[in-house]
Amino acid sequence: MRTPKDTVTRMKSDYIQEYEAQERKEKRRRKAILKRLVVFSTLAVLVLGSLTIYHFKQRSIQADIENEYTELQEEMIQLEKEEKDLMEEIAMLKDEEYILELARTNYFLSKEGELIFLTDDSNN
């Protein structure tokens, strides 16, 4: 069965040909605009996605560095305390009385005329 569109014949005038050429040109222009829009949208999504990924990687790296910094700060505090203790020990080792006391307690050296008795408590 024929549709009404099939039964109408087109006129072959210059105006109709120009009109049809203009319509084809407009369709091509719309397709070109749509293609450009798709390309630029895809490019924008790729750029934003890569920037987002880069941002989160940088945040992860920063968090790792901050954790490492905190650990190193704690280690530095511990080492400073150890250094302070060692400096105090060095100062005490310059005292002859302290060295004699260490020798008496650790190496069982005695003063002249002094006797040393070992007990169970002194073995520790």
N, C-alpha and C. Protein backbone atom coordinates (compact mmCIF):
# COMPACT_ATOMS: atom_id res chain seq x y z
N MET A 1 0.84 -1.17 0.00
CA MET A 1 0.00 0.00 0.00
C MET A 1 0.89 1.24 0.00
N ARG A 2 0.51 2.23 -0.70
CA ARG A 2 1.30 3.45 -0.82
C ARG A 2 0.95 4.44 0.29
N THR A 3 1.97 5.11 0.76
CA THR A 3 1.75 6.14 1.76
C THR A 3 1.58 7.48 1.05
N PRO A 4 0.99 8.45 1.70
CA PRO A 4 0.81 9.74 1.06
C PRO A 4 2.14 10.38 0.68
N LYS A 5 3.19 10.06 1.37
CA LYS A 5 4.49 10.64 1.07
C LYS A 5 4.99 10.14 -0.29
N ASP A 6 4.71 8.88 -0.60
CA ASP A 6 5.15 8.30 -1.86
C ASP A 6 4.37 8.85 -3.06
N THR A 7 3.19 9.32 -2.85
CA THR A 7 2.36 9.77 -3.97
C THR A 7 2.64 11.21 -4.37
N VAL A 8 3.32 11.94 -3.52
CA VAL A 8 3.60 13.34 -3.84
C VAL A 8 4.93 13.40 -4.57
N THR A 9 4.91 14.05 -5.70
CA THR A 9 6.15 14.22 -6.44
C THR A 9 6.74 15.58 -6.13
N ARG A 10 8.04 15.59 -6.11
CA ARG A 10 8.74 16.83 -5.81
C ARG A 10 8.90 17.64 -7.08
N MET A 11 8.91 18.91 -6.85
CA MET A 11 9.12 19.81 -7.99
C MET A 11 10.61 19.96 -8.21
N LYS A 12 11.02 20.09 -9.43
CA LYS A 12 12.44 20.22 -9.76
C LYS A 12 12.76 21.67 -10.08
N SER A 13 12.63 22.52 -9.12
CA SER A 13 12.94 23.93 -9.38
C SER A 13 14.28 24.28 -8.72
N ASP A 14 14.82 25.42 -9.07
CA ASP A 14 16.09 25.87 -8.48
C ASP A 14 15.95 26.13 -6.99
N TYR A 15 14.82 26.65 -6.61
CA TYR A 15 14.58 26.94 -5.19
C TYR A 15 14.61 25.65 -4.39
N ILE A 16 13.93 24.62 -4.86
CA ILE A 16 13.88 23.34 -4.16
C ILE A 16 15.28 22.73 -4.10
N GLN A 17 16.04 22.79 -5.15
CA GLN A 17 17.40 22.25 -5.15
C GLN A 17 18.29 23.00 -4.17
N GLU A 18 18.16 24.31 -4.13
CA GLU A 18 18.94 25.09 -3.15
C GLU A 18 18.52 24.77 -1.73
N TYR A 19 17.22 24.62 -1.53
CA TYR A 19 16.70 24.28 -0.20
C TYR A 19 17.22 22.92 0.26
N GLU A 20 17.18 21.92 -0.62
CA GLU A 20 17.67 20.58 -0.28
C GLU A 20 19.18 20.60 -0.03
N ALA A 21 19.93 21.38 -0.84
CA ALA A 21 21.38 21.50 -0.63
C ALA A 21 21.66 22.16 0.72
N GLN A 22 20.86 23.15 1.06
CA GLN A 22 21.04 23.82 2.35
C GLN A 22 20.72 22.87 3.49
N GLU A 23 19.68 22.05 3.35
CA GLU A 23 19.34 21.06 4.38
C GLU A 23 20.47 20.04 4.56
N ARG A 24 21.03 19.54 3.45
CA ARG A 24 22.15 18.59 3.54
C ARG A 24 23.35 19.24 4.24
N LYS A 25 23.60 20.50 3.86
CA LYS A 25 24.72 21.23 4.48
C LYS A 25 24.48 21.39 5.98
N GLU A 26 23.27 21.69 6.37
CA GLU A 26 22.92 21.85 7.78
C GLU A 26 23.07 20.52 8.53
N LYS A 27 22.65 19.40 7.91
CA LYS A 27 22.81 18.08 8.53
C LYS A 27 24.29 17.74 8.74
N ARG A 28 25.12 18.03 7.70
CA ARG A 28 26.56 17.77 7.84
C ARG A 28 27.17 18.64 8.95
N ARG A 29 26.72 19.89 9.02
CA ARG A 29 27.22 20.79 10.06
C ARG A 29 26.84 20.28 11.45
N ARG A 30 25.59 19.81 11.59
CA ARG A 30 25.15 19.26 12.89
C ARG A 30 25.95 18.02 13.26
N LYS A 31 26.19 17.14 12.27
CA LYS A 31 27.00 15.93 12.53
C LYS A 31 28.41 16.31 12.95
N ALA A 32 28.99 17.30 12.28
CA ALA A 32 30.35 17.74 12.61
C ALA A 32 30.39 18.32 14.02
N ILE A 33 29.38 19.12 14.36
CA ILE A 33 29.31 19.70 15.71
C ILE A 33 29.16 18.58 16.74
N LEU A 34 28.32 17.60 16.46
CA LEU A 34 28.13 16.48 17.38
C LEU A 34 29.43 15.69 17.55
N LYS A 35 30.13 15.44 16.45
CA LYS A 35 31.42 14.72 16.54
C LYS A 35 32.42 15.50 17.39
N ARG A 36 32.52 16.82 17.15
CA ARG A 36 33.44 17.64 17.93
C ARG A 36 33.07 17.63 19.41
N LEU A 37 31.77 17.70 19.66
CA LEU A 37 31.30 17.67 21.05
C LEU A 37 31.68 16.36 21.73
N VAL A 38 31.50 15.25 21.04
CA VAL A 38 31.85 13.94 21.59
C VAL A 38 33.36 13.86 21.83
N VAL A 39 34.15 14.31 20.87
CA VAL A 39 35.61 14.25 21.02
C VAL A 39 36.06 15.11 22.19
N PHE A 40 35.57 16.35 22.25
CA PHE A 40 36.00 17.23 23.35
C PHE A 40 35.49 16.74 24.70
N SER A 41 34.29 16.17 24.74
CA SER A 41 33.77 15.62 25.99
C SER A 41 34.63 14.45 26.45
N THR A 42 34.97 13.57 25.52
CA THR A 42 35.83 12.43 25.85
C THR A 42 37.19 12.91 26.35
N LEU A 43 37.73 13.88 25.66
CA LEU A 43 39.02 14.44 26.07
C LEU A 43 38.93 15.05 27.46
N ALA A 44 37.85 15.79 27.72
CA ALA A 44 37.67 16.41 29.04
C ALA A 44 37.55 15.35 30.13
N VAL A 45 36.79 14.28 29.86
CA VAL A 45 36.64 13.20 30.85
C VAL A 45 37.99 12.54 31.12
N LEU A 46 38.77 12.30 30.06
CA LEU A 46 40.09 11.68 30.24
C LEU A 46 41.01 12.58 31.06
N VAL A 47 41.01 13.87 30.75
CA VAL A 47 41.87 14.81 31.49
C VAL A 47 41.45 14.89 32.95
N LEU A 48 40.15 15.04 33.19
CA LEU A 48 39.67 15.12 34.57
C LEU A 48 39.93 13.81 35.32
N GLY A 49 39.75 12.69 34.66
CA GLY A 49 40.02 11.40 35.30
C GLY A 49 41.49 11.25 35.66
N SER A 50 42.37 11.62 34.74
CA SER A 50 43.80 11.49 35.04
C SER A 50 44.21 12.47 36.14
N LEU A 51 43.65 13.67 36.14
CA LEU A 51 43.96 14.62 37.21
C LEU A 51 43.45 14.12 38.56
N THR A 52 42.29 13.50 38.56
CA THR A 52 41.75 12.95 39.80
C THR A 52 42.63 11.82 40.33
N ILE A 53 43.04 10.94 39.45
CA ILE A 53 43.93 9.84 39.84
C ILE A 53 45.24 10.39 40.36
N TYR A 54 45.81 11.38 39.67
CA TYR A 54 47.06 12.00 40.10
C TYR A 54 46.90 12.64 41.48
N HIS A 55 45.77 13.31 41.70
CA HIS A 55 45.51 13.96 42.99
C HIS A 55 45.48 12.93 44.12
N PHE A 56 44.77 11.83 43.91
CA PHE A 56 44.68 10.82 44.97
C PHE A 56 46.02 10.13 45.20
N LYS A 57 46.81 9.93 44.16
CA LYS A 57 48.15 9.36 44.34
C LYS A 57 49.01 10.30 45.17
N GLN A 58 48.93 11.60 44.89
CA GLN A 58 49.71 12.58 45.63
C GLN A 58 49.27 12.63 47.10
N ARG A 59 47.97 12.50 47.34
CA ARG A 59 47.49 12.49 48.72
C ARG A 59 48.01 11.25 49.45
N SER A 60 48.05 10.12 48.76
CA SER A 60 48.57 8.90 49.36
C SER A 60 50.05 9.04 49.69
N ILE A 61 50.79 9.61 48.76
CA ILE A 61 52.22 9.83 48.98
C ILE A 61 52.43 10.78 50.15
N GLN A 62 51.62 11.84 50.22
CA GLN A 62 51.76 12.80 51.31
C GLN A 62 51.45 12.14 52.65
N ALA A 63 50.43 11.30 52.69
CA ALA A 63 50.09 10.60 53.94
C ALA A 63 51.24 9.69 54.36
N ASP A 64 51.86 8.99 53.40
CA ASP A 64 53.00 8.14 53.72
C ASP A 64 54.16 8.96 54.26
N ILE A 65 54.42 10.09 53.65
CA ILE A 65 55.53 10.95 54.10
C ILE A 65 55.25 11.49 55.49
N GLU A 66 54.00 11.88 55.76
CA GLU A 66 53.66 12.38 57.09
C GLU A 66 53.81 11.28 58.14
N ASN A 67 53.42 10.05 57.80
CA ASN A 67 53.60 8.94 58.75
C ASN A 67 55.08 8.69 59.01
N GLU A 68 55.86 8.71 57.96
CA GLU A 68 57.30 8.51 58.12
C GLU A 68 57.90 9.64 58.95
N TYR A 69 57.46 10.87 58.72
CA TYR A 69 57.96 12.01 59.48
C TYR A 69 57.63 11.85 60.96
N THR A 70 56.41 11.41 61.27
CA THR A 70 56.01 11.20 62.66
C THR A 70 56.88 10.13 63.31
N GLU A 71 57.11 9.03 62.58
CA GLU A 71 57.95 7.96 63.12
C GLU A 71 59.38 8.45 63.37
N LEU A 72 59.90 9.23 62.44
CA LEU A 72 61.26 9.74 62.60
C LEU A 72 61.34 10.75 63.74
N GLN A 73 60.28 11.53 63.95
CA GLN A 73 60.26 12.46 65.07
C GLN A 73 60.32 11.68 66.39
N GLU A 74 59.52 10.61 66.47
CA GLU A 74 59.52 9.80 67.69
C GLU A 74 60.90 9.16 67.90
N GLU A 75 61.49 8.67 66.82
CA GLU A 75 62.82 8.08 66.93
C GLU A 75 63.85 9.12 67.35
N MET A 76 63.72 10.34 66.84
CA MET A 76 64.66 11.40 67.20
C MET A 76 64.54 11.74 68.70
N ILE A 77 63.31 11.78 69.20
CA ILE A 77 63.10 12.05 70.62
C ILE A 77 63.76 10.96 71.46
N GLN A 78 63.59 9.72 71.04
CA GLN A 78 64.19 8.60 71.76
C GLN A 78 65.72 8.68 71.71
N LEU A 79 66.27 8.99 70.54
CA LEU A 79 67.72 9.10 70.42
C LEU A 79 68.28 10.28 71.21
N GLU A 80 67.54 11.38 71.28
CA GLU A 80 67.98 12.52 72.08
C GLU A 80 68.01 12.15 73.56
N LYS A 81 67.01 11.38 74.00
CA LYS A 81 66.99 10.94 75.40
C LYS A 81 68.18 10.01 75.66
N GLU A 82 68.43 9.11 74.71
CA GLU A 82 69.57 8.20 74.85
C GLU A 82 70.89 8.97 74.87
N GLU A 83 70.99 9.99 74.03
CA GLU A 83 72.20 10.82 74.00
C GLU A 83 72.38 11.54 75.33
N LYS A 84 71.30 12.06 75.88
CA LYS A 84 71.37 12.74 77.17
C LYS A 84 71.86 11.78 78.25
N ASP A 85 71.32 10.56 78.27
CA ASP A 85 71.75 9.56 79.26
C ASP A 85 73.23 9.22 79.09
N LEU A 86 73.66 9.06 77.83
CA LEU A 86 75.06 8.75 77.58
C LEU A 86 75.99 9.90 77.98
N MET A 87 75.55 11.12 77.74
CA MET A 87 76.36 12.28 78.14
C MET A 87 76.48 12.34 79.66
N GLU A 88 75.40 12.03 80.36
CA GLU A 88 75.46 11.99 81.83
C GLU A 88 76.42 10.90 82.29
N GLU A 89 76.36 9.75 81.61
CA GLU A 89 77.26 8.65 81.98
C GLU A 89 78.72 9.03 81.71
N ILE A 90 78.97 9.72 80.61
CA ILE A 90 80.34 10.19 80.31
C ILE A 90 80.81 11.14 81.38
N ALA A 91 79.92 12.04 81.80
CA ALA A 91 80.30 12.99 82.85
C ALA A 91 80.60 12.25 84.15
N MET A 92 79.82 11.20 84.45
CA MET A 92 80.07 10.46 85.69
C MET A 92 81.35 9.62 85.58
N LEU A 93 81.66 9.15 84.36
CA LEU A 93 82.88 8.34 84.21
C LEU A 93 84.14 9.18 84.38
N LYS A 94 84.03 10.48 84.31
CA LYS A 94 85.18 11.35 84.55
C LYS A 94 85.49 11.48 86.04
N ASP A 95 84.53 11.07 86.86
CA ASP A 95 84.71 11.12 88.32
C ASP A 95 85.36 9.82 88.78
N GLU A 96 86.50 9.95 89.45
CA GLU A 96 87.26 8.77 89.89
C GLU A 96 86.50 7.96 90.92
N GLU A 97 85.75 8.59 91.79
CA GLU A 97 84.97 7.89 92.81
C GLU A 97 83.92 6.98 92.16
N TYR A 98 83.29 7.46 91.12
CA TYR A 98 82.26 6.67 90.42
C TYR A 98 82.89 5.44 89.77
N ILE A 99 84.08 5.61 89.16
CA ILE A 99 84.76 4.48 88.53
C ILE A 99 85.14 3.44 89.57
N LEU A 100 85.63 3.89 90.73
CA LEU A 100 85.97 2.95 91.79
C LEU A 100 84.74 2.20 92.29
N GLU A 101 83.63 2.90 92.40
CA GLU A 101 82.39 2.26 92.84
C GLU A 101 81.92 1.22 91.82
N LEU A 102 82.03 1.55 90.51
CA LEU A 102 81.67 0.58 89.47
C LEU A 102 82.56 -0.65 89.55
N ALA A 103 83.84 -0.44 89.73
CA ALA A 103 84.78 -1.56 89.82
C ALA A 103 84.47 -2.44 91.04
N ARG A 104 84.07 -1.82 92.10
CA ARG A 104 83.76 -2.60 93.30
C ARG A 104 82.49 -3.41 93.11
N THR A 105 81.45 -2.83 92.48
CA THR A 105 80.18 -3.55 92.36
C THR A 105 80.18 -4.54 91.20
N ASN A 106 80.77 -4.18 90.07
CA ASN A 106 80.70 -5.06 88.90
C ASN A 106 81.81 -6.09 88.85
N TYR A 107 82.98 -5.73 89.30
CA TYR A 107 84.14 -6.63 89.16
C TYR A 107 84.68 -7.14 90.50
N PHE A 108 83.95 -6.90 91.56
CA PHE A 108 84.28 -7.38 92.90
C PHE A 108 85.69 -6.99 93.33
N LEU A 109 86.09 -5.80 92.98
CA LEU A 109 87.37 -5.30 93.47
C LEU A 109 87.14 -4.71 94.85
N SER A 110 88.12 -4.82 95.66
CA SER A 110 87.94 -4.34 97.04
C SER A 110 89.01 -3.32 97.38
N LYS A 111 88.68 -2.57 98.40
CA LYS A 111 89.67 -1.64 98.94
C LYS A 111 90.66 -2.45 99.77
N GLU A 112 91.75 -1.84 100.11
CA GLU A 112 92.77 -2.54 100.89
C GLU A 112 92.21 -2.89 102.26
N GLY A 113 92.32 -4.18 102.59
CA GLY A 113 91.86 -4.65 103.88
C GLY A 113 90.37 -4.98 103.90
N GLU A 114 89.67 -4.90 102.78
CA GLU A 114 88.24 -5.15 102.74
C GLU A 114 88.00 -6.57 102.24
N LEU A 115 87.04 -7.27 102.83
CA LEU A 115 86.69 -8.62 102.42
C LEU A 115 85.35 -8.57 101.68
N ILE A 116 85.23 -9.41 100.63
CA ILE A 116 84.00 -9.46 99.86
C ILE A 116 83.40 -10.83 100.03
N PHE A 117 82.11 -10.85 100.41
CA PHE A 117 81.38 -12.09 100.56
C PHE A 117 80.29 -12.13 99.49
N LEU A 118 80.21 -13.24 98.74
CA LEU A 118 79.18 -13.41 97.72
C LEU A 118 77.95 -14.04 98.35
N THR A 119 76.80 -13.46 98.06
CA THR A 119 75.54 -14.04 98.51
C THR A 119 74.66 -14.29 97.29
N ASP A 120 73.53 -14.91 97.49
CA ASP A 120 72.64 -15.21 96.38
C ASP A 120 72.14 -13.92 95.71
N ASP A 121 71.95 -12.90 96.46
CA ASP A 121 71.45 -11.62 95.92
C ASP A 121 72.48 -10.98 94.99
N SER A 122 73.75 -11.18 95.22
CA SER A 122 74.78 -10.51 94.43
C SER A 122 75.05 -11.24 93.12
N ASN A 123 74.50 -12.45 92.92
CA ASN A 123 74.71 -13.17 91.67
C ASN A 123 73.89 -12.57 90.52
N ASN A 124 72.87 -11.87 90.80
CA ASN A 124 72.02 -11.28 89.77
C ASN A 124 72.70 -10.13 89.22
